[in-house]
Amino acid sequence: MNLGSTDLLGWAATAVFVASYFFGRPSLLRGAQMIGAVLWLIYGVMINAPPVIVANVLVFCAAAWTAFRKAPSPTV
């Protein structure tokens, strides 16, 4: 089996995505989601797939927003 760079990138993105389910800490989960989204985004560009590109821009933005937003102050 001869895998090209595009296929390898797709498999790497898949591995990161699946691995993210095993992270317990939210910060690690969000980081893995962001890395996976970037890999999928590059993959989408390489195969010229706008739905893959748009979906992963949205995933990256959502993960980044939840990772870096300020936690709400607890009410007493």
C-alpha atoms as a PDB file:
ATOM      1  CA  MET A   1       0.000   0.000   0.000  1.00  0.00           C
ATOM      2  CA  ASN A   2       1.507   3.304  -1.112  1.00  0.00           C
ATOM      3  CA  LEU A   3       0.141   6.273   0.804  1.00  0.00           C
ATOM      4  CA  GLY A   4       0.653   9.773  -0.517  1.00  0.00           C
ATOM      5  CA  SER A   5       1.146  12.827   1.660  1.00  0.00           C
ATOM      6  CA  THR A   6      -2.540  13.713   1.386  1.00  0.00           C
ATOM      7  CA  ASP A   7      -3.587  10.291   2.641  1.00  0.00           C
ATOM      8  CA  LEU A   8      -1.052  10.417   5.459  1.00  0.00           C
ATOM      9  CA  LEU A   9      -2.373  13.797   6.542  1.00  0.00           C
ATOM     10  CA  GLY A  10      -5.931  12.473   6.523  1.00  0.00           C
ATOM     11  CA  TRP A  11      -4.918   9.500   8.653  1.00  0.00           C
ATOM     12  CA  ALA A  12      -3.013  11.757  11.063  1.00  0.00           C
ATOM     13  CA  ALA A  13      -6.064  14.013  11.397  1.00  0.00           C
ATOM     14  CA  THR A  14      -8.206  10.954  12.081  1.00  0.00           C
ATOM     15  CA  ALA A  15      -5.780   9.730  14.751  1.00  0.00           C
ATOM     16  CA  VAL A  16      -5.753  13.106  16.524  1.00  0.00           C
ATOM     17  CA  PHE A  17      -9.545  13.294  16.372  1.00  0.00           C
ATOM     18  CA  VAL A  18      -9.991   9.824  17.861  1.00  0.00           C
ATOM     19  CA  ALA A  19      -7.286  10.417  20.497  1.00  0.00           C
ATOM     20  CA  SER A  20      -9.088  13.563  21.670  1.00  0.00           C
ATOM     21  CA  TYR A  21     -11.852  11.373  23.115  1.00  0.00           C
ATOM     22  CA  PHE A  22      -9.382   9.981  25.648  1.00  0.00           C
ATOM     23  CA  PHE A  23      -8.325  13.303  27.172  1.00  0.00           C
ATOM     24  CA  GLY A  24      -9.862  13.997  30.568  1.00  0.00           C
ATOM     25  CA  ARG A  25      -8.663  17.551  31.055  1.00  0.00           C
ATOM     26  CA  PRO A  26     -10.705  20.089  29.103  1.00  0.00           C
ATOM     27  CA  SER A  27      -7.593  22.064  28.144  1.00  0.00           C
ATOM     28  CA  LEU A  28      -6.016  18.982  26.548  1.00  0.00           C
ATOM     29  CA  LEU A  29      -9.279  18.102  24.825  1.00  0.00           C
ATOM     30  CA  ARG A  30      -9.589  21.584  23.324  1.00  0.00           C
ATOM     31  CA  GLY A  31      -5.939  21.553  22.260  1.00  0.00           C
ATOM     32  CA  ALA A  32      -6.372  18.207  20.520  1.00  0.00           C
ATOM     33  CA  GLN A  33      -9.568  19.450  18.858  1.00  0.00           C
ATOM     34  CA  MET A  34      -7.746  22.523  17.579  1.00  0.00           C
ATOM     35  CA  ILE A  35      -4.806  20.489  16.250  1.00  0.00           C
ATOM     36  CA  GLY A  36      -7.160  17.996  14.627  1.00  0.00           C
ATOM     37  CA  ALA A  37      -9.177  20.793  13.039  1.00  0.00           C
ATOM     38  CA  VAL A  38      -6.028  22.374  11.591  1.00  0.00           C
ATOM     39  CA  LEU A  39      -4.955  19.023  10.146  1.00  0.00           C
ATOM     40  CA  TRP A  40      -8.414  18.464   8.644  1.00  0.00           C
ATOM     41  CA  LEU A  41      -8.418  22.036   7.324  1.00  0.00           C
ATOM     42  CA  ILE A  42      -5.107  21.474   5.521  1.00  0.00           C
ATOM     43  CA  TYR A  43      -6.430  18.153   4.228  1.00  0.00           C
ATOM     44  CA  GLY A  44      -9.557  19.884   2.936  1.00  0.00           C
ATOM     45  CA  VAL A  45      -7.445  22.449   1.106  1.00  0.00           C
ATOM     46  CA  MET A  46      -5.292  19.698  -0.403  1.00  0.00           C
ATOM     47  CA  ILE A  47      -8.315  17.810  -1.761  1.00  0.00           C
ATOM     48  CA  ASN A  48     -10.227  21.016  -2.629  1.00  0.00           C
ATOM     49  CA  ALA A  49     -13.219  20.189  -0.414  1.00  0.00           C
ATOM     50  CA  PRO A  50     -14.974  23.375   0.759  1.00  0.00           C
ATOM     51  CA  PRO A  51     -17.309  21.543   3.198  1.00  0.00           C
ATOM     52  CA  VAL A  52     -14.296  20.022   4.977  1.00  0.00           C
ATOM     53  CA  ILE A  53     -12.589  23.418   5.079  1.00  0.00           C
ATOM     54  CA  VAL A  54     -15.610  25.307   6.434  1.00  0.00           C
ATOM     55  CA  ALA A  55     -16.512  22.618   8.968  1.00  0.00           C
ATOM     56  CA  ASN A  56     -13.018  22.619  10.418  1.00  0.00           C
ATOM     57  CA  VAL A  57     -12.695  26.389  10.521  1.00  0.00           C
ATOM     58  CA  LEU A  58     -15.873  26.309  12.633  1.00  0.00           C
ATOM     59  CA  VAL A  59     -14.549  23.475  14.826  1.00  0.00           C
ATOM     60  CA  PHE A  60     -11.254  25.304  15.355  1.00  0.00           C
ATOM     61  CA  CYS A  61     -13.029  28.552  16.254  1.00  0.00           C
ATOM     62  CA  ALA A  62     -15.393  26.812  18.678  1.00  0.00           C
ATOM     63  CA  ALA A  63     -12.543  24.936  20.360  1.00  0.00           C
ATOM     64  CA  ALA A  64     -10.413  28.078  20.589  1.00  0.00           C
ATOM     65  CA  TRP A  65     -13.296  30.129  21.965  1.00  0.00           C
ATOM     66  CA  THR A  66     -14.091  27.561  24.666  1.00  0.00           C
ATOM     67  CA  ALA A  67     -10.398  27.111  25.484  1.00  0.00           C
ATOM     68  CA  PHE A  68      -9.613  30.783  25.926  1.00  0.00           C
ATOM     69  CA  ARG A  69     -12.809  32.331  27.249  1.00  0.00           C
ATOM     70  CA  LYS A  70     -12.886  33.492  30.818  1.00  0.00           C
ATOM     71  CA  ALA A  71     -14.691  31.193  33.194  1.00  0.00           C
ATOM     72  CA  PRO A  72     -17.801  32.788  34.662  1.00  0.00           C
ATOM     73  CA  SER A  73     -17.476  34.064  38.201  1.00  0.00           C
ATOM     74  CA  PRO A  74     -19.306  31.849  40.702  1.00  0.00           C
ATOM     75  CA  THR A  75     -22.380  33.442  42.203  1.00  0.00           C
ATOM     76  CA  VAL A  76     -22.819  33.352  45.915  1.00  0.00           C
END
